N, C-alpha and C. Protein backbone atom coordinates (compact mmCIF):
# COMPACT_ATOMS: atom_id res chain seq x y z
N LEU A 1 39.32 17.62 6.21
CA LEU A 1 38.69 18.34 5.12
C LEU A 1 37.27 18.71 5.51
N LYS A 2 36.87 19.86 5.06
CA LYS A 2 35.52 20.31 5.33
C LYS A 2 34.59 19.86 4.21
N VAL A 3 33.28 20.01 4.44
CA VAL A 3 32.28 19.58 3.48
C VAL A 3 32.39 20.39 2.20
N GLN A 4 32.65 21.65 2.29
CA GLN A 4 32.74 22.50 1.10
C GLN A 4 33.94 22.12 0.25
N GLU A 5 35.05 21.75 0.87
CA GLU A 5 36.24 21.34 0.14
C GLU A 5 35.97 20.02 -0.61
N LEU A 6 35.19 19.10 0.03
CA LEU A 6 34.85 17.85 -0.64
C LEU A 6 34.00 18.12 -1.87
N ASP A 7 33.04 19.03 -1.78
CA ASP A 7 32.21 19.37 -2.94
C ASP A 7 33.06 19.95 -4.06
N ASP A 8 34.07 20.73 -3.72
CA ASP A 8 34.94 21.31 -4.75
C ASP A 8 35.75 20.24 -5.45
N LEU A 9 36.14 19.18 -4.74
CA LEU A 9 36.94 18.11 -5.35
C LEU A 9 36.08 17.15 -6.17
N THR A 10 34.83 16.91 -5.78
CA THR A 10 34.01 15.93 -6.47
C THR A 10 33.44 16.45 -7.78
N ALA A 11 33.24 17.72 -7.93
CA ALA A 11 32.68 18.26 -9.17
C ALA A 11 33.59 18.00 -10.36
N PRO A 12 34.89 18.33 -10.30
CA PRO A 12 35.76 18.03 -11.47
C PRO A 12 35.89 16.53 -11.71
N ALA A 13 35.85 15.73 -10.64
CA ALA A 13 35.95 14.28 -10.80
C ALA A 13 34.73 13.76 -11.53
N ALA A 14 33.54 14.26 -11.21
CA ALA A 14 32.33 13.83 -11.88
C ALA A 14 32.36 14.19 -13.35
N VAL A 15 32.88 15.37 -13.68
CA VAL A 15 32.98 15.78 -15.08
C VAL A 15 33.95 14.87 -15.82
N ALA A 16 35.06 14.52 -15.19
CA ALA A 16 36.06 13.66 -15.82
C ALA A 16 35.47 12.27 -16.06
N VAL A 17 34.72 11.73 -15.12
CA VAL A 17 34.11 10.41 -15.29
C VAL A 17 33.11 10.45 -16.43
N GLY A 18 32.34 11.51 -16.54
CA GLY A 18 31.35 11.64 -17.61
C GLY A 18 32.02 11.70 -18.98
N LEU A 19 33.08 12.49 -19.10
CA LEU A 19 33.80 12.59 -20.38
C LEU A 19 34.44 11.25 -20.76
N LEU A 20 34.99 10.58 -19.77
CA LEU A 20 35.61 9.29 -20.04
C LEU A 20 34.57 8.26 -20.50
N THR A 21 33.39 8.23 -19.88
CA THR A 21 32.32 7.32 -20.27
C THR A 21 31.85 7.60 -21.69
N GLY A 22 31.70 8.88 -22.02
CA GLY A 22 31.29 9.26 -23.38
C GLY A 22 32.31 8.81 -24.41
N LEU A 23 33.59 8.97 -24.11
CA LEU A 23 34.66 8.57 -25.03
C LEU A 23 34.64 7.06 -25.25
N VAL A 24 34.41 6.29 -24.19
CA VAL A 24 34.37 4.82 -24.31
C VAL A 24 33.18 4.41 -25.17
N LEU A 25 32.02 5.04 -24.98
CA LEU A 25 30.84 4.72 -25.77
C LEU A 25 31.05 5.05 -27.25
N LEU A 26 31.72 6.15 -27.54
CA LEU A 26 32.00 6.54 -28.93
C LEU A 26 32.91 5.52 -29.61
N ILE A 27 33.92 5.08 -28.91
CA ILE A 27 34.84 4.08 -29.47
C ILE A 27 34.12 2.76 -29.72
N MET A 28 33.26 2.36 -28.77
CA MET A 28 32.53 1.09 -28.93
C MET A 28 31.57 1.15 -30.10
N SER A 29 30.91 2.26 -30.31
CA SER A 29 29.96 2.35 -31.43
C SER A 29 30.69 2.31 -32.77
N CYS A 30 31.87 2.91 -32.83
CA CYS A 30 32.65 2.84 -34.08
C CYS A 30 33.08 1.41 -34.38
N CYS A 31 33.52 0.70 -33.37
CA CYS A 31 33.94 -0.70 -33.56
C CYS A 31 32.75 -1.56 -33.95
N GLN A 32 31.61 -1.27 -33.38
CA GLN A 32 30.41 -2.06 -33.66
C GLN A 32 29.99 -1.90 -35.11
N THR A 33 30.05 -0.71 -35.63
CA THR A 33 29.65 -0.49 -37.03
C THR A 33 30.61 -1.20 -37.97
N LYS A 34 31.88 -1.24 -37.65
CA LYS A 34 32.83 -1.96 -38.49
C LYS A 34 32.56 -3.46 -38.47
N ILE A 35 32.19 -4.00 -37.29
CA ILE A 35 31.89 -5.44 -37.17
C ILE A 35 30.60 -5.76 -37.91
N ASN A 36 29.59 -4.91 -37.78
CA ASN A 36 28.30 -5.15 -38.41
C ASN A 36 28.39 -5.14 -39.93
N LYS A 37 29.34 -4.38 -40.50
CA LYS A 37 29.48 -4.34 -41.97
C LYS A 37 29.97 -5.67 -42.52
N ASN A 38 30.70 -6.42 -41.74
CA ASN A 38 31.26 -7.69 -42.20
C ASN A 38 30.26 -8.85 -42.11
N ILE A 39 29.14 -8.70 -41.38
CA ILE A 39 28.16 -9.79 -41.20
C ILE A 39 27.17 -9.78 -42.35
N PRO A 40 26.90 -10.96 -42.97
CA PRO A 40 25.93 -11.02 -44.07
C PRO A 40 24.51 -10.69 -43.56
N GLU A 41 23.65 -10.27 -44.49
CA GLU A 41 22.29 -9.80 -44.13
C GLU A 41 21.41 -10.91 -43.55
N HIS A 42 21.45 -12.12 -44.12
CA HIS A 42 20.58 -13.20 -43.62
C HIS A 42 20.95 -13.59 -42.18
N ILE A 43 22.23 -13.52 -41.84
CA ILE A 43 22.65 -13.82 -40.47
C ILE A 43 22.19 -12.71 -39.53
N LYS A 44 22.27 -11.44 -40.01
CA LYS A 44 21.78 -10.32 -39.19
C LYS A 44 20.30 -10.49 -38.87
N LYS A 45 19.52 -10.92 -39.88
CA LYS A 45 18.08 -11.10 -39.69
C LYS A 45 17.80 -12.20 -38.66
N GLU A 46 18.52 -13.32 -38.76
CA GLU A 46 18.35 -14.40 -37.79
C GLU A 46 18.71 -13.95 -36.38
N MET A 47 19.79 -13.18 -36.26
CA MET A 47 20.20 -12.68 -34.96
C MET A 47 19.15 -11.74 -34.37
N GLN A 48 18.56 -10.89 -35.22
CA GLN A 48 17.53 -9.97 -34.73
C GLN A 48 16.29 -10.74 -34.26
N ASP A 49 15.90 -11.79 -35.01
CA ASP A 49 14.76 -12.60 -34.60
C ASP A 49 15.03 -13.32 -33.26
N THR A 50 16.24 -13.85 -33.15
CA THR A 50 16.60 -14.54 -31.91
C THR A 50 16.60 -13.59 -30.73
N VAL A 51 17.15 -12.40 -30.93
CA VAL A 51 17.19 -11.41 -29.86
C VAL A 51 15.77 -10.98 -29.48
N ALA A 52 14.87 -10.85 -30.46
CA ALA A 52 13.49 -10.47 -30.17
C ALA A 52 12.80 -11.56 -29.35
N ASP A 53 13.02 -12.84 -29.72
CA ASP A 53 12.42 -13.95 -28.95
C ASP A 53 12.96 -13.98 -27.52
N LEU A 54 14.27 -13.79 -27.39
CA LEU A 54 14.86 -13.79 -26.06
C LEU A 54 14.35 -12.62 -25.23
N ARG A 55 14.15 -11.49 -25.86
CA ARG A 55 13.64 -10.31 -25.15
C ARG A 55 12.24 -10.59 -24.60
N GLU A 56 11.38 -11.23 -25.40
CA GLU A 56 10.03 -11.57 -24.93
C GLU A 56 10.08 -12.56 -23.77
N THR A 57 10.98 -13.54 -23.88
CA THR A 57 11.12 -14.53 -22.81
C THR A 57 11.58 -13.87 -21.52
N VAL A 58 12.54 -12.98 -21.63
CA VAL A 58 13.05 -12.29 -20.45
C VAL A 58 11.97 -11.40 -19.85
N LYS A 59 11.17 -10.75 -20.70
CA LYS A 59 10.08 -9.92 -20.19
C LYS A 59 9.10 -10.75 -19.38
N ASP A 60 8.78 -11.95 -19.87
CA ASP A 60 7.85 -12.81 -19.15
C ASP A 60 8.42 -13.28 -17.83
N ILE A 61 9.73 -13.54 -17.80
CA ILE A 61 10.35 -14.03 -16.58
C ILE A 61 10.51 -12.90 -15.56
N VAL A 62 11.04 -11.77 -16.01
CA VAL A 62 11.34 -10.66 -15.10
C VAL A 62 10.06 -9.95 -14.67
N ALA A 63 9.23 -9.59 -15.62
CA ALA A 63 7.99 -8.87 -15.31
C ALA A 63 6.83 -9.65 -15.91
N PRO A 64 6.28 -10.62 -15.18
CA PRO A 64 5.19 -11.40 -15.74
C PRO A 64 3.97 -10.54 -16.02
N ARG A 65 3.21 -10.98 -16.99
CA ARG A 65 2.00 -10.25 -17.35
C ARG A 65 0.99 -10.32 -16.22
N LYS A 66 0.04 -9.41 -16.26
CA LYS A 66 -1.00 -9.39 -15.24
C LYS A 66 -1.82 -10.66 -15.32
N LYS A 67 -2.26 -11.12 -14.17
CA LYS A 67 -3.11 -12.29 -14.14
C LYS A 67 -4.46 -11.93 -14.73
N GLN A 68 -5.05 -12.90 -15.39
CA GLN A 68 -6.35 -12.66 -15.99
C GLN A 68 -7.38 -12.50 -14.89
N ARG A 69 -8.20 -11.49 -15.00
CA ARG A 69 -9.20 -11.22 -13.97
C ARG A 69 -10.53 -11.87 -14.34
N PHE A 70 -11.21 -12.37 -13.33
CA PHE A 70 -12.51 -12.97 -13.54
C PHE A 70 -13.54 -12.22 -12.70
N ARG A 71 -14.75 -12.27 -13.15
CA ARG A 71 -15.82 -11.67 -12.37
C ARG A 71 -16.08 -12.52 -11.13
N LYS A 72 -16.68 -11.87 -10.15
CA LYS A 72 -16.95 -12.57 -8.90
C LYS A 72 -17.89 -13.75 -9.13
N ARG A 73 -18.90 -13.57 -9.96
CA ARG A 73 -19.85 -14.66 -10.21
C ARG A 73 -19.15 -15.84 -10.90
N ASP A 74 -18.16 -15.55 -11.77
CA ASP A 74 -17.43 -16.64 -12.43
C ASP A 74 -16.59 -17.41 -11.41
N ARG A 75 -15.95 -16.68 -10.48
CA ARG A 75 -15.15 -17.35 -9.46
C ARG A 75 -16.03 -18.21 -8.56
N VAL A 76 -17.17 -17.66 -8.15
CA VAL A 76 -18.08 -18.42 -7.29
C VAL A 76 -18.57 -19.67 -8.02
N TYR A 77 -18.90 -19.53 -9.30
CA TYR A 77 -19.35 -20.67 -10.11
C TYR A 77 -18.26 -21.73 -10.20
N PHE A 78 -17.02 -21.30 -10.47
CA PHE A 78 -15.90 -22.22 -10.62
C PHE A 78 -15.64 -22.99 -9.32
N TYR A 79 -15.49 -22.25 -8.21
CA TYR A 79 -15.18 -22.91 -6.94
C TYR A 79 -16.35 -23.73 -6.43
N GLY A 80 -17.58 -23.29 -6.73
CA GLY A 80 -18.75 -24.07 -6.35
C GLY A 80 -18.78 -25.41 -7.05
N ARG A 81 -18.51 -25.42 -8.35
CA ARG A 81 -18.48 -26.69 -9.09
C ARG A 81 -17.34 -27.58 -8.61
N LYS A 82 -16.20 -26.97 -8.30
CA LYS A 82 -15.07 -27.74 -7.79
C LYS A 82 -15.43 -28.42 -6.46
N MET A 83 -16.10 -27.67 -5.58
CA MET A 83 -16.51 -28.22 -4.31
C MET A 83 -17.55 -29.33 -4.49
N MET A 84 -18.49 -29.12 -5.41
CA MET A 84 -19.52 -30.13 -5.66
C MET A 84 -18.91 -31.43 -6.19
N ARG A 85 -17.88 -31.32 -7.04
CA ARG A 85 -17.21 -32.53 -7.54
C ARG A 85 -16.59 -33.30 -6.38
N ARG A 86 -15.95 -32.58 -5.45
CA ARG A 86 -15.33 -33.25 -4.31
C ARG A 86 -16.39 -33.92 -3.44
N VAL A 87 -17.49 -33.22 -3.21
CA VAL A 87 -18.56 -33.78 -2.37
C VAL A 87 -19.16 -35.01 -3.04
N GLU A 88 -19.40 -34.95 -4.36
CA GLU A 88 -19.94 -36.10 -5.08
C GLU A 88 -19.00 -37.29 -4.99
N ASP A 89 -17.70 -37.04 -5.13
CA ASP A 89 -16.74 -38.14 -5.03
C ASP A 89 -16.77 -38.76 -3.64
N ASN A 90 -16.88 -37.91 -2.60
CA ASN A 90 -16.93 -38.44 -1.23
C ASN A 90 -18.22 -39.22 -0.98
N ILE A 91 -19.33 -38.75 -1.54
CA ILE A 91 -20.59 -39.47 -1.36
C ILE A 91 -20.51 -40.84 -2.03
N LYS A 92 -19.95 -40.88 -3.24
CA LYS A 92 -19.80 -42.17 -3.93
C LYS A 92 -18.92 -43.11 -3.12
N LEU A 93 -17.84 -42.57 -2.55
CA LEU A 93 -16.93 -43.39 -1.75
C LEU A 93 -17.65 -43.92 -0.52
N MET A 94 -18.43 -43.05 0.13
CA MET A 94 -19.16 -43.48 1.34
C MET A 94 -20.19 -44.55 1.00
N ASP A 95 -20.88 -44.40 -0.14
CA ASP A 95 -21.84 -45.42 -0.56
C ASP A 95 -21.15 -46.76 -0.81
N ASP A 96 -19.99 -46.70 -1.46
CA ASP A 96 -19.25 -47.94 -1.70
C ASP A 96 -18.84 -48.60 -0.40
N VAL A 97 -18.36 -47.80 0.56
CA VAL A 97 -17.95 -48.35 1.86
C VAL A 97 -19.15 -48.94 2.58
N ARG A 98 -20.30 -48.23 2.55
CA ARG A 98 -21.50 -48.70 3.22
C ARG A 98 -21.95 -50.05 2.63
N LEU A 99 -21.98 -50.15 1.30
CA LEU A 99 -22.39 -51.40 0.66
C LEU A 99 -21.43 -52.54 1.00
N ARG A 100 -20.14 -52.22 0.98
CA ARG A 100 -19.14 -53.25 1.29
C ARG A 100 -19.29 -53.71 2.73
N ASN A 101 -19.54 -52.76 3.66
CA ASN A 101 -19.73 -53.14 5.06
C ASN A 101 -21.00 -53.96 5.24
N GLN A 102 -22.07 -53.64 4.50
CA GLN A 102 -23.29 -54.43 4.59
C GLN A 102 -23.04 -55.86 4.15
N VAL A 103 -22.35 -56.01 3.04
CA VAL A 103 -22.07 -57.36 2.51
C VAL A 103 -21.20 -58.12 3.50
N GLU A 104 -20.17 -57.47 4.04
CA GLU A 104 -19.29 -58.15 5.00
C GLU A 104 -20.06 -58.49 6.27
N GLY A 105 -20.95 -57.59 6.71
CA GLY A 105 -21.76 -57.86 7.90
C GLY A 105 -22.67 -59.06 7.70
N ARG A 106 -23.30 -59.14 6.53
CA ARG A 106 -24.17 -60.29 6.24
C ARG A 106 -23.37 -61.59 6.25
N LYS A 107 -22.18 -61.55 5.66
CA LYS A 107 -21.34 -62.75 5.64
C LYS A 107 -20.97 -63.16 7.06
N LEU A 108 -20.64 -62.18 7.90
CA LEU A 108 -20.26 -62.47 9.27
C LEU A 108 -21.42 -63.09 10.04
N ILE A 109 -22.61 -62.53 9.86
CA ILE A 109 -23.79 -63.08 10.54
C ILE A 109 -24.07 -64.50 10.08
N LYS A 110 -23.93 -64.76 8.78
CA LYS A 110 -24.17 -66.11 8.27
C LYS A 110 -23.17 -67.10 8.85
N THR A 111 -21.91 -66.71 8.92
CA THR A 111 -20.90 -67.64 9.46
C THR A 111 -21.13 -67.89 10.94
N LEU A 112 -21.53 -66.84 11.70
CA LEU A 112 -21.82 -67.05 13.11
C LEU A 112 -23.03 -67.96 13.29
N ALA A 113 -24.06 -67.72 12.48
CA ALA A 113 -25.26 -68.55 12.58
C ALA A 113 -24.94 -70.00 12.23
N LYS A 114 -24.12 -70.21 11.24
CA LYS A 114 -23.75 -71.58 10.85
C LYS A 114 -22.95 -72.25 11.95
N SER A 115 -22.08 -71.48 12.60
CA SER A 115 -21.28 -72.10 13.65
C SER A 115 -22.11 -72.41 14.89
N ILE A 116 -23.14 -71.59 15.16
CA ILE A 116 -23.98 -71.84 16.33
C ILE A 116 -25.02 -72.90 16.03
N ILE A 117 -25.79 -72.70 14.98
CA ILE A 117 -26.90 -73.60 14.65
C ILE A 117 -26.42 -74.82 13.89
N GLY A 118 -25.52 -74.60 13.02
CA GLY A 118 -25.01 -75.70 12.23
C GLY A 118 -25.38 -75.49 10.78
N ASP A 119 -24.54 -75.98 9.92
CA ASP A 119 -24.75 -75.81 8.48
C ASP A 119 -25.75 -76.85 8.00
N SER A 120 -26.82 -76.40 7.36
CA SER A 120 -27.84 -77.32 6.90
C SER A 120 -27.37 -78.14 5.70
N SER A 121 -26.39 -77.67 4.99
CA SER A 121 -25.94 -78.41 3.81
C SER A 121 -24.91 -79.47 4.16
N ASP A 122 -24.22 -79.30 5.30
CA ASP A 122 -23.18 -80.26 5.68
C ASP A 122 -23.47 -80.73 7.10
N SER A 123 -23.95 -81.97 7.25
CA SER A 123 -24.37 -82.48 8.56
C SER A 123 -23.17 -82.80 9.45
N SER A 124 -22.00 -83.02 8.88
CA SER A 124 -20.84 -83.37 9.69
C SER A 124 -20.31 -82.16 10.46
N THR A 125 -20.62 -80.96 10.01
CA THR A 125 -20.12 -79.77 10.69
C THR A 125 -21.21 -79.12 11.52
N ALA A 126 -22.20 -79.88 11.92
CA ALA A 126 -23.29 -79.31 12.70
C ALA A 126 -22.77 -78.85 14.04
N GLY A 127 -23.38 -77.80 14.59
CA GLY A 127 -22.94 -77.25 15.86
C GLY A 127 -23.40 -78.12 17.01
N ASP A 128 -23.15 -77.60 18.22
CA ASP A 128 -23.51 -78.35 19.42
C ASP A 128 -25.02 -78.52 19.53
N ILE A 129 -25.75 -77.46 19.22
CA ILE A 129 -27.19 -77.48 19.39
C ILE A 129 -27.88 -78.06 18.17
N GLY A 130 -27.45 -77.66 17.00
CA GLY A 130 -28.18 -77.97 15.79
C GLY A 130 -27.96 -79.35 15.28
N GLY A 131 -28.99 -79.87 14.61
CA GLY A 131 -28.86 -81.14 13.92
C GLY A 131 -28.63 -80.85 12.45
N GLY A 132 -28.82 -81.86 11.63
CA GLY A 132 -28.62 -81.71 10.20
C GLY A 132 -29.69 -80.86 9.54
N ASP A 133 -30.88 -80.76 10.13
CA ASP A 133 -31.96 -80.02 9.50
C ASP A 133 -32.12 -78.61 10.05
N GLY A 134 -31.22 -78.13 10.90
CA GLY A 134 -31.29 -76.78 11.43
C GLY A 134 -32.11 -76.70 12.71
N ARG A 135 -32.66 -77.83 13.18
CA ARG A 135 -33.41 -77.86 14.44
C ARG A 135 -32.50 -78.35 15.55
N PRO A 136 -32.81 -77.99 16.79
CA PRO A 136 -31.99 -78.50 17.90
C PRO A 136 -32.14 -80.01 18.02
N ALA A 137 -31.15 -80.64 18.58
CA ALA A 137 -31.19 -82.10 18.76
C ALA A 137 -32.29 -82.47 19.75
N GLU A 138 -32.79 -83.71 19.63
CA GLU A 138 -33.88 -84.18 20.49
C GLU A 138 -33.46 -84.25 21.96
N ASP A 139 -32.17 -84.45 22.20
CA ASP A 139 -31.69 -84.51 23.58
C ASP A 139 -31.97 -83.20 24.32
N TYR A 140 -31.86 -82.11 23.62
CA TYR A 140 -32.10 -80.82 24.24
C TYR A 140 -33.58 -80.57 24.50
N LEU A 141 -34.43 -81.22 23.75
CA LEU A 141 -35.86 -81.00 23.92
C LEU A 141 -36.48 -81.85 25.03
N GLU A 142 -35.84 -82.94 25.41
CA GLU A 142 -36.37 -83.81 26.45
C GLU A 142 -36.10 -83.22 27.83
N GLU A 143 -37.05 -83.41 28.74
CA GLU A 143 -36.88 -82.92 30.10
C GLU A 143 -36.10 -83.93 30.90
N GLU A 144 -35.40 -83.43 31.87
CA GLU A 144 -34.65 -84.33 32.72
C GLU A 144 -35.57 -84.91 33.77
N GLU A 145 -35.33 -86.16 34.14
CA GLU A 145 -36.16 -86.88 35.11
C GLU A 145 -36.09 -86.26 36.50
N GLU A 146 -34.93 -85.81 36.87
CA GLU A 146 -34.75 -85.25 38.21
C GLU A 146 -35.61 -84.00 38.39
N LEU A 147 -35.65 -83.17 37.38
CA LEU A 147 -36.44 -81.96 37.49
C LEU A 147 -37.92 -82.27 37.58
N LEU A 148 -38.33 -83.31 36.86
CA LEU A 148 -39.74 -83.69 36.90
C LEU A 148 -40.13 -84.22 38.28
N GLN A 149 -39.24 -84.94 38.92
CA GLN A 149 -39.54 -85.49 40.23
C GLN A 149 -39.55 -84.41 41.30
N GLN A 150 -38.70 -83.40 41.17
CA GLN A 150 -38.61 -82.36 42.19
C GLN A 150 -39.82 -81.43 42.15
N THR A 151 -40.32 -81.15 41.03
CA THR A 151 -41.45 -80.23 40.93
C THR A 151 -42.74 -81.00 41.11
N ARG A 152 -43.71 -80.35 41.65
CA ARG A 152 -45.01 -80.99 41.85
C ARG A 152 -45.93 -80.58 40.73
N VAL A 153 -45.92 -81.31 39.70
CA VAL A 153 -46.76 -81.05 38.54
C VAL A 153 -47.79 -82.17 38.51
N PRO A 154 -49.03 -81.82 38.34
CA PRO A 154 -50.04 -82.88 38.24
C PRO A 154 -49.74 -83.78 37.06
N PRO A 155 -50.07 -85.09 37.17
CA PRO A 155 -49.75 -86.03 36.11
C PRO A 155 -50.44 -85.74 34.79
N GLU A 156 -51.57 -85.09 34.80
CA GLU A 156 -52.25 -84.81 33.53
C GLU A 156 -51.57 -83.71 32.73
N LEU A 157 -50.72 -82.93 33.39
CA LEU A 157 -49.99 -81.88 32.67
C LEU A 157 -48.68 -82.38 32.10
N LYS A 158 -48.27 -83.56 32.53
CA LYS A 158 -46.98 -84.08 32.05
C LYS A 158 -47.03 -84.49 30.63
């Protein structure tokens, strides 16, 4: 078949489809009016309200409304405050961590000092060097005899 022959066949078919569609719509509208006459008025009103609500919902879902526009200065103000809140929270967190580390560091230094020097409140746990009063033991302060004999120190300096 040629292109011109196809055009000749499709024109009557298109007219037939149009007439058939019109006839179906006419029959449906007649049936609808008969059905609508049997429905009470208060139910019709409720149905119309429900259909209106559903139509609005569908409009929002299918074609959402435009987003609200803000001025540039408002956006800068909003995001600036948001950023400042985050920075303030981080500064507070860092201060808390710093204070906690200072306290833990002080505790660590105290425990090391107690283990090396000895605890002044408990004499039984004194360290190797320290006595009960926080001073080194007298044994550590005395000079050894051998060292004194080896060195030539005048007797008046002894």
